[in-house]
N, C-alpha and C. Protein backbone atom coordinates (compact mmCIF):
# COMPACT_ATOMS: atom_id res chain seq x y z
N MET A 1 34.74 -85.09 41.17
CA MET A 1 35.01 -83.69 40.91
C MET A 1 35.98 -83.53 39.75
N ALA A 2 37.07 -84.29 39.76
CA ALA A 2 38.05 -84.22 38.68
C ALA A 2 37.43 -84.68 37.37
N LYS A 3 36.51 -85.65 37.49
CA LYS A 3 35.84 -86.16 36.30
C LYS A 3 34.96 -85.06 35.67
N ASN A 4 34.29 -84.25 36.48
CA ASN A 4 33.46 -83.15 35.98
C ASN A 4 34.31 -82.07 35.32
N ILE A 5 35.47 -81.79 35.90
CA ILE A 5 36.37 -80.79 35.33
C ILE A 5 36.86 -81.26 33.97
N ILE A 6 37.20 -82.53 33.87
CA ILE A 6 37.67 -83.08 32.59
C ILE A 6 36.55 -82.97 31.54
N LEU A 7 35.32 -83.28 31.93
CA LEU A 7 34.21 -83.18 30.99
C LEU A 7 33.96 -81.74 30.54
N VAL A 8 34.06 -80.79 31.45
CA VAL A 8 33.87 -79.38 31.11
C VAL A 8 34.97 -78.91 30.16
N VAL A 9 36.22 -79.29 30.45
CA VAL A 9 37.34 -78.91 29.58
C VAL A 9 37.18 -79.54 28.21
N LEU A 10 36.78 -80.80 28.17
CA LEU A 10 36.57 -81.50 26.91
C LEU A 10 35.44 -80.83 26.10
N ALA A 11 34.33 -80.51 26.76
CA ALA A 11 33.22 -79.84 26.08
C ALA A 11 33.65 -78.47 25.55
N ALA A 12 34.41 -77.72 26.34
CA ALA A 12 34.89 -76.41 25.91
C ALA A 12 35.82 -76.55 24.69
N ALA A 13 36.66 -77.58 24.68
CA ALA A 13 37.56 -77.81 23.55
C ALA A 13 36.77 -78.14 22.28
N VAL A 14 35.72 -78.95 22.42
CA VAL A 14 34.89 -79.31 21.27
C VAL A 14 34.19 -78.07 20.73
N VAL A 15 33.62 -77.26 21.61
CA VAL A 15 32.94 -76.03 21.18
C VAL A 15 33.93 -75.08 20.52
N ALA A 16 35.10 -74.89 21.11
CA ALA A 16 36.11 -74.00 20.55
C ALA A 16 36.56 -74.51 19.18
N GLY A 17 36.73 -75.81 19.06
CA GLY A 17 37.11 -76.39 17.77
C GLY A 17 36.05 -76.16 16.71
N GLY A 18 34.78 -76.32 17.09
CA GLY A 18 33.69 -76.07 16.16
C GLY A 18 33.62 -74.62 15.72
N VAL A 19 33.76 -73.72 16.67
CA VAL A 19 33.75 -72.29 16.34
C VAL A 19 34.91 -71.96 15.41
N TYR A 20 36.09 -72.47 15.71
CA TYR A 20 37.27 -72.23 14.86
C TYR A 20 37.03 -72.77 13.45
N TYR A 21 36.49 -73.98 13.35
CA TYR A 21 36.24 -74.59 12.05
C TYR A 21 35.28 -73.75 11.21
N PHE A 22 34.15 -73.36 11.78
CA PHE A 22 33.16 -72.61 11.02
C PHE A 22 33.59 -71.17 10.75
N ALA A 23 34.39 -70.59 11.63
CA ALA A 23 34.79 -69.19 11.46
C ALA A 23 36.03 -69.02 10.59
N VAL A 24 36.95 -69.99 10.63
CA VAL A 24 38.23 -69.80 9.97
C VAL A 24 38.45 -70.78 8.82
N ILE A 25 38.28 -72.05 9.07
CA ILE A 25 38.65 -73.07 8.09
C ILE A 25 37.60 -73.20 6.99
N ARG A 26 36.37 -73.43 7.37
CA ARG A 26 35.30 -73.65 6.40
C ARG A 26 34.72 -72.32 5.97
N LYS A 27 35.01 -71.94 4.76
CA LYS A 27 34.52 -70.67 4.24
C LYS A 27 33.17 -70.89 3.56
N PRO A 28 32.21 -70.02 3.81
CA PRO A 28 30.93 -70.15 3.12
C PRO A 28 31.10 -69.86 1.63
N PRO A 29 30.27 -70.43 0.79
CA PRO A 29 30.40 -70.14 -0.65
C PRO A 29 30.12 -68.67 -0.92
N ALA A 30 30.85 -68.11 -1.88
CA ALA A 30 30.65 -66.70 -2.23
C ALA A 30 29.36 -66.54 -3.00
N MET A 31 28.73 -65.42 -2.83
CA MET A 31 27.51 -65.13 -3.57
C MET A 31 27.89 -64.86 -5.03
N VAL A 32 27.02 -65.25 -5.94
CA VAL A 32 27.27 -65.10 -7.36
C VAL A 32 27.51 -63.64 -7.74
N ASP A 33 26.74 -62.74 -7.13
CA ASP A 33 26.82 -61.32 -7.51
C ASP A 33 27.80 -60.52 -6.64
N GLU A 34 28.62 -61.20 -5.86
CA GLU A 34 29.58 -60.53 -4.99
C GLU A 34 30.52 -59.65 -5.82
N GLY A 35 30.63 -58.38 -5.43
CA GLY A 35 31.55 -57.46 -6.09
C GLY A 35 31.00 -56.78 -7.33
N ILE A 36 29.80 -57.12 -7.74
CA ILE A 36 29.18 -56.50 -8.92
C ILE A 36 28.15 -55.48 -8.42
N PRO A 37 28.23 -54.23 -8.89
CA PRO A 37 27.25 -53.25 -8.43
C PRO A 37 25.85 -53.58 -8.94
N HIS A 38 24.88 -53.47 -8.07
CA HIS A 38 23.49 -53.65 -8.48
C HIS A 38 22.98 -52.32 -9.03
N TYR A 39 22.25 -52.41 -10.10
CA TYR A 39 21.68 -51.20 -10.69
C TYR A 39 20.73 -50.55 -9.67
N PRO A 40 20.86 -49.24 -9.43
CA PRO A 40 20.03 -48.56 -8.43
C PRO A 40 18.54 -48.75 -8.70
N GLY A 41 17.81 -49.14 -7.68
CA GLY A 41 16.37 -49.32 -7.78
C GLY A 41 15.93 -50.65 -8.36
N SER A 42 16.89 -51.49 -8.77
CA SER A 42 16.50 -52.80 -9.30
C SER A 42 16.11 -53.72 -8.16
N ARG A 43 15.31 -54.74 -8.49
CA ARG A 43 14.93 -55.69 -7.45
C ARG A 43 15.26 -57.10 -7.92
N ASP A 44 15.56 -57.95 -6.97
CA ASP A 44 15.92 -59.34 -7.23
C ASP A 44 14.65 -60.14 -7.48
N ILE A 45 14.44 -60.57 -8.72
CA ILE A 45 13.20 -61.31 -9.01
C ILE A 45 13.31 -62.77 -8.58
N ASN A 46 14.52 -63.25 -8.26
CA ASN A 46 14.67 -64.60 -7.69
C ASN A 46 14.11 -64.64 -6.27
N ALA A 47 14.11 -63.51 -5.59
CA ALA A 47 13.75 -63.46 -4.18
C ALA A 47 12.28 -63.81 -3.93
N ASP A 48 11.46 -63.76 -4.96
CA ASP A 48 10.03 -64.01 -4.79
C ASP A 48 9.65 -65.49 -4.90
N GLY A 49 10.56 -66.32 -5.32
CA GLY A 49 10.19 -67.70 -5.60
C GLY A 49 10.97 -68.71 -4.79
N PHE A 50 11.41 -69.75 -5.48
CA PHE A 50 12.11 -70.87 -4.87
C PHE A 50 13.31 -70.43 -4.03
N ALA A 51 14.10 -69.51 -4.58
CA ALA A 51 15.33 -69.11 -3.91
C ALA A 51 15.08 -68.48 -2.55
N SER A 52 13.94 -67.82 -2.38
CA SER A 52 13.66 -67.15 -1.10
C SER A 52 13.47 -68.14 0.04
N ARG A 53 13.15 -69.39 -0.29
CA ARG A 53 12.94 -70.40 0.74
C ARG A 53 14.23 -71.13 1.12
N LEU A 54 15.32 -70.83 0.44
CA LEU A 54 16.59 -71.50 0.73
C LEU A 54 17.36 -70.74 1.81
N SER A 55 18.20 -71.48 2.53
CA SER A 55 19.11 -70.82 3.47
C SER A 55 20.15 -70.06 2.64
N PRO A 56 20.81 -69.05 3.20
CA PRO A 56 21.82 -68.32 2.44
C PRO A 56 22.92 -69.24 1.89
N ARG A 57 23.31 -70.24 2.67
CA ARG A 57 24.35 -71.17 2.20
C ARG A 57 23.86 -71.99 1.01
N ASP A 58 22.65 -72.54 1.10
CA ASP A 58 22.12 -73.33 -0.01
C ASP A 58 21.88 -72.46 -1.23
N ARG A 59 21.41 -71.25 -1.01
CA ARG A 59 21.19 -70.35 -2.14
C ARG A 59 22.49 -70.08 -2.88
N ALA A 60 23.57 -69.83 -2.14
CA ALA A 60 24.87 -69.57 -2.76
C ALA A 60 25.39 -70.80 -3.50
N ARG A 61 25.07 -71.98 -2.99
CA ARG A 61 25.52 -73.22 -3.62
C ARG A 61 24.69 -73.59 -4.85
N LEU A 62 23.39 -73.34 -4.81
CA LEU A 62 22.49 -73.81 -5.85
C LEU A 62 22.14 -72.78 -6.90
N ILE A 63 22.01 -71.53 -6.51
CA ILE A 63 21.60 -70.49 -7.45
C ILE A 63 22.85 -69.88 -8.07
N LYS A 64 23.02 -70.08 -9.36
CA LYS A 64 24.23 -69.64 -10.04
C LYS A 64 24.05 -68.35 -10.83
N VAL A 65 22.83 -67.81 -10.84
CA VAL A 65 22.55 -66.56 -11.53
C VAL A 65 21.60 -65.74 -10.67
N VAL A 66 21.91 -64.47 -10.53
CA VAL A 66 21.02 -63.53 -9.86
C VAL A 66 20.36 -62.73 -10.96
N ILE A 67 19.04 -62.63 -10.92
CA ILE A 67 18.32 -61.87 -11.94
C ILE A 67 17.64 -60.68 -11.27
N LEU A 68 18.03 -59.50 -11.73
CA LEU A 68 17.46 -58.25 -11.23
C LEU A 68 16.53 -57.69 -12.31
N GLU A 69 15.64 -56.82 -11.89
CA GLU A 69 14.67 -56.24 -12.81
C GLU A 69 14.51 -54.76 -12.49
N THR A 70 14.33 -53.94 -13.53
CA THR A 70 14.11 -52.51 -13.35
C THR A 70 13.16 -52.00 -14.42
N ASP A 71 12.51 -50.89 -14.13
CA ASP A 71 11.63 -50.26 -15.11
C ASP A 71 12.40 -49.38 -16.09
N ASP A 72 13.66 -49.09 -15.79
CA ASP A 72 14.47 -48.23 -16.66
C ASP A 72 14.78 -48.93 -17.98
N PRO A 73 14.98 -48.16 -19.05
CA PRO A 73 15.27 -48.76 -20.35
C PRO A 73 16.66 -49.41 -20.38
N PRO A 74 16.85 -50.40 -21.26
CA PRO A 74 18.14 -51.11 -21.31
C PRO A 74 19.34 -50.20 -21.57
N ASP A 75 19.19 -49.18 -22.42
CA ASP A 75 20.35 -48.33 -22.72
C ASP A 75 20.85 -47.60 -21.48
N LYS A 76 19.95 -47.22 -20.58
CA LYS A 76 20.35 -46.55 -19.34
C LYS A 76 21.10 -47.53 -18.42
N VAL A 77 20.62 -48.77 -18.35
CA VAL A 77 21.26 -49.80 -17.52
C VAL A 77 22.63 -50.16 -18.10
N ILE A 78 22.69 -50.29 -19.41
CA ILE A 78 23.97 -50.59 -20.08
C ILE A 78 24.98 -49.50 -19.79
N GLN A 79 24.55 -48.24 -19.86
CA GLN A 79 25.44 -47.12 -19.57
C GLN A 79 25.94 -47.17 -18.12
N PHE A 80 25.07 -47.56 -17.18
CA PHE A 80 25.46 -47.70 -15.78
C PHE A 80 26.61 -48.70 -15.64
N TYR A 81 26.48 -49.88 -16.26
CA TYR A 81 27.53 -50.89 -16.16
C TYR A 81 28.77 -50.48 -16.94
N ARG A 82 28.59 -49.82 -18.07
CA ARG A 82 29.73 -49.32 -18.83
C ARG A 82 30.55 -48.36 -17.96
N ASP A 83 29.87 -47.44 -17.25
CA ASP A 83 30.55 -46.46 -16.41
C ASP A 83 31.18 -47.09 -15.16
N ASN A 84 30.44 -48.00 -14.50
CA ASN A 84 30.90 -48.58 -13.24
C ASN A 84 31.95 -49.67 -13.40
N LEU A 85 32.05 -50.25 -14.57
CA LEU A 85 33.05 -51.31 -14.81
C LEU A 85 34.13 -50.85 -15.78
N LYS A 86 34.19 -49.55 -16.02
CA LYS A 86 35.14 -48.99 -16.98
C LYS A 86 36.57 -49.43 -16.68
N GLY A 87 37.24 -49.92 -17.70
CA GLY A 87 38.63 -50.36 -17.55
C GLY A 87 38.77 -51.73 -16.92
N LYS A 88 37.67 -52.36 -16.48
CA LYS A 88 37.74 -53.66 -15.83
C LYS A 88 36.87 -54.69 -16.54
N THR A 89 36.46 -54.40 -17.77
CA THR A 89 35.49 -55.28 -18.41
C THR A 89 35.71 -55.40 -19.91
N GLN A 90 35.21 -56.49 -20.45
CA GLN A 90 35.04 -56.64 -21.89
C GLN A 90 33.55 -56.54 -22.12
N ALA A 91 33.16 -55.82 -23.15
CA ALA A 91 31.73 -55.61 -23.38
C ALA A 91 31.36 -55.99 -24.80
N PHE A 92 30.17 -56.53 -24.93
CA PHE A 92 29.57 -56.81 -26.23
C PHE A 92 28.17 -56.22 -26.19
N GLU A 93 27.92 -55.31 -27.12
CA GLU A 93 26.60 -54.67 -27.16
C GLU A 93 26.02 -54.81 -28.55
N LYS A 94 24.70 -54.96 -28.60
CA LYS A 94 24.03 -55.05 -29.90
C LYS A 94 22.62 -54.51 -29.77
N LYS A 95 21.99 -54.32 -30.93
CA LYS A 95 20.59 -53.90 -30.96
C LYS A 95 19.82 -54.91 -31.79
N ASN A 96 18.65 -55.27 -31.29
CA ASN A 96 17.76 -56.16 -32.00
C ASN A 96 16.43 -55.42 -32.17
N ARG A 97 16.07 -55.10 -33.39
CA ARG A 97 14.88 -54.29 -33.69
C ARG A 97 14.91 -52.96 -32.93
N GLY A 98 16.10 -52.40 -32.81
CA GLY A 98 16.26 -51.10 -32.15
C GLY A 98 16.36 -51.16 -30.64
N ILE A 99 16.24 -52.35 -30.05
CA ILE A 99 16.31 -52.49 -28.59
C ILE A 99 17.71 -52.95 -28.21
N PRO A 100 18.44 -52.14 -27.41
CA PRO A 100 19.81 -52.50 -27.06
C PRO A 100 19.87 -53.62 -26.02
N SER A 101 20.94 -54.39 -26.09
CA SER A 101 21.26 -55.38 -25.06
C SER A 101 22.78 -55.40 -24.93
N GLY A 102 23.26 -55.93 -23.82
CA GLY A 102 24.69 -55.95 -23.60
C GLY A 102 25.11 -57.08 -22.69
N VAL A 103 26.35 -57.53 -22.92
CA VAL A 103 26.97 -58.54 -22.07
C VAL A 103 28.33 -57.98 -21.65
N PHE A 104 28.59 -58.03 -20.35
CA PHE A 104 29.84 -57.54 -19.80
C PHE A 104 30.55 -58.69 -19.10
N ARG A 105 31.85 -58.83 -19.37
CA ARG A 105 32.65 -59.84 -18.68
C ARG A 105 33.67 -59.10 -17.85
N THR A 106 33.74 -59.44 -16.57
CA THR A 106 34.69 -58.81 -15.67
C THR A 106 35.23 -59.84 -14.70
N GLU A 107 36.14 -59.44 -13.85
CA GLU A 107 36.71 -60.34 -12.86
C GLU A 107 36.68 -59.67 -11.49
N VAL A 108 36.25 -60.44 -10.49
CA VAL A 108 36.19 -59.96 -9.11
C VAL A 108 36.88 -61.00 -8.24
N ASN A 109 37.94 -60.59 -7.55
CA ASN A 109 38.69 -61.49 -6.67
C ASN A 109 39.11 -62.78 -7.39
N GLY A 110 39.54 -62.64 -8.63
CA GLY A 110 40.01 -63.80 -9.39
C GLY A 110 38.92 -64.66 -9.99
N LYS A 111 37.66 -64.28 -9.83
CA LYS A 111 36.54 -65.05 -10.39
C LYS A 111 35.90 -64.28 -11.53
N GLY A 112 35.70 -64.96 -12.64
CA GLY A 112 35.05 -64.34 -13.79
C GLY A 112 33.57 -64.15 -13.54
N LYS A 113 33.05 -63.00 -13.94
CA LYS A 113 31.63 -62.69 -13.77
C LYS A 113 31.08 -62.21 -15.11
N LEU A 114 29.82 -62.54 -15.36
CA LEU A 114 29.10 -62.07 -16.53
C LEU A 114 27.88 -61.28 -16.09
N ILE A 115 27.67 -60.15 -16.75
CA ILE A 115 26.48 -59.35 -16.51
C ILE A 115 25.79 -59.22 -17.87
N MET A 116 24.54 -59.62 -17.95
CA MET A 116 23.79 -59.54 -19.20
C MET A 116 22.59 -58.64 -18.98
N VAL A 117 22.43 -57.65 -19.86
CA VAL A 117 21.33 -56.70 -19.78
C VAL A 117 20.44 -56.91 -21.00
N THR A 118 19.17 -57.25 -20.76
CA THR A 118 18.23 -57.50 -21.86
C THR A 118 16.87 -56.92 -21.53
N ALA A 119 16.10 -56.67 -22.57
CA ALA A 119 14.72 -56.21 -22.40
C ALA A 119 13.81 -57.43 -22.40
N ASN A 120 12.92 -57.51 -21.44
CA ASN A 120 11.93 -58.57 -21.41
C ASN A 120 10.67 -58.04 -22.09
N GLU A 121 10.39 -58.57 -23.27
CA GLU A 121 9.26 -58.05 -24.04
C GLU A 121 7.92 -58.33 -23.38
N ASP A 122 7.82 -59.40 -22.60
CA ASP A 122 6.55 -59.74 -21.95
C ASP A 122 6.21 -58.77 -20.82
N THR A 123 7.21 -58.47 -19.98
CA THR A 123 6.96 -57.62 -18.82
C THR A 123 7.25 -56.15 -19.09
N ARG A 124 7.92 -55.87 -20.21
CA ARG A 124 8.35 -54.51 -20.56
C ARG A 124 9.30 -53.93 -19.52
N LYS A 125 10.08 -54.79 -18.92
CA LYS A 125 11.08 -54.37 -17.94
C LYS A 125 12.46 -54.79 -18.45
N THR A 126 13.49 -54.21 -17.87
CA THR A 126 14.85 -54.58 -18.21
C THR A 126 15.36 -55.58 -17.19
N GLU A 127 15.92 -56.68 -17.67
CA GLU A 127 16.47 -57.70 -16.79
C GLU A 127 17.98 -57.64 -16.80
N ILE A 128 18.56 -57.81 -15.62
CA ILE A 128 20.01 -57.83 -15.43
C ILE A 128 20.35 -59.18 -14.82
N SER A 129 21.05 -60.01 -15.58
CA SER A 129 21.45 -61.33 -15.09
C SER A 129 22.93 -61.27 -14.73
N ILE A 130 23.26 -61.69 -13.50
CA ILE A 130 24.64 -61.69 -13.02
C ILE A 130 25.00 -63.14 -12.71
N GLY A 131 26.05 -63.62 -13.34
CA GLY A 131 26.47 -65.00 -13.12
C GLY A 131 27.97 -65.11 -12.99
N GLU A 132 28.40 -66.29 -12.61
CA GLU A 132 29.82 -66.55 -12.43
C GLU A 132 30.30 -67.46 -13.55
N ILE A 133 31.49 -67.20 -14.05
CA ILE A 133 32.09 -68.03 -15.09
C ILE A 133 32.91 -69.11 -14.40
N THR A 134 32.63 -70.35 -14.73
CA THR A 134 33.42 -71.45 -14.19
C THR A 134 34.16 -72.13 -15.32
N ASN A 135 35.24 -72.81 -14.98
CA ASN A 135 36.02 -73.50 -15.99
C ASN A 135 35.46 -74.89 -16.27
N GLN A 136 34.51 -75.32 -15.50
CA GLN A 136 33.96 -76.65 -15.67
C GLN A 136 32.52 -76.57 -16.13
N MET A 137 32.14 -77.52 -16.95
CA MET A 137 30.74 -77.66 -17.30
C MET A 137 30.07 -78.42 -16.17
N PRO A 138 28.90 -77.99 -15.73
CA PRO A 138 28.22 -78.76 -14.69
C PRO A 138 27.82 -80.13 -15.20
N LYS A 139 27.83 -81.10 -14.31
CA LYS A 139 27.44 -82.45 -14.68
C LYS A 139 25.93 -82.54 -14.79
N PRO A 140 25.44 -83.21 -15.83
CA PRO A 140 23.98 -83.31 -16.02
C PRO A 140 23.32 -84.12 -14.93
């Protein structure tokens, strides 16, 4: 009887330790686009392919750029990010053959983020790429 009680207490301690570890100590990786507003009506074009088959943890670890797509013109999307990141961003905008594009650098919770807005000439849609700035170059 005492042996069963010891086993139950030991099992409860192991379970409690595991719950504590996963809930408090081990933090899941942050999503690349965390804290960046998504353009209204845009859709994640990564979600249709390889990334959709990954667990949320693996996706956060492996996918370093979120690519969104919209039918709206680039200048409208650029204006959205200009307005929503006002005072919190550095921006670089240019036009190539009259088509605007923009890159915005901002910081969310101490992490650098890049938002790039470009026109995809093949699909005739606007692409929004959201990535994280790291201080290290990835190893080949």
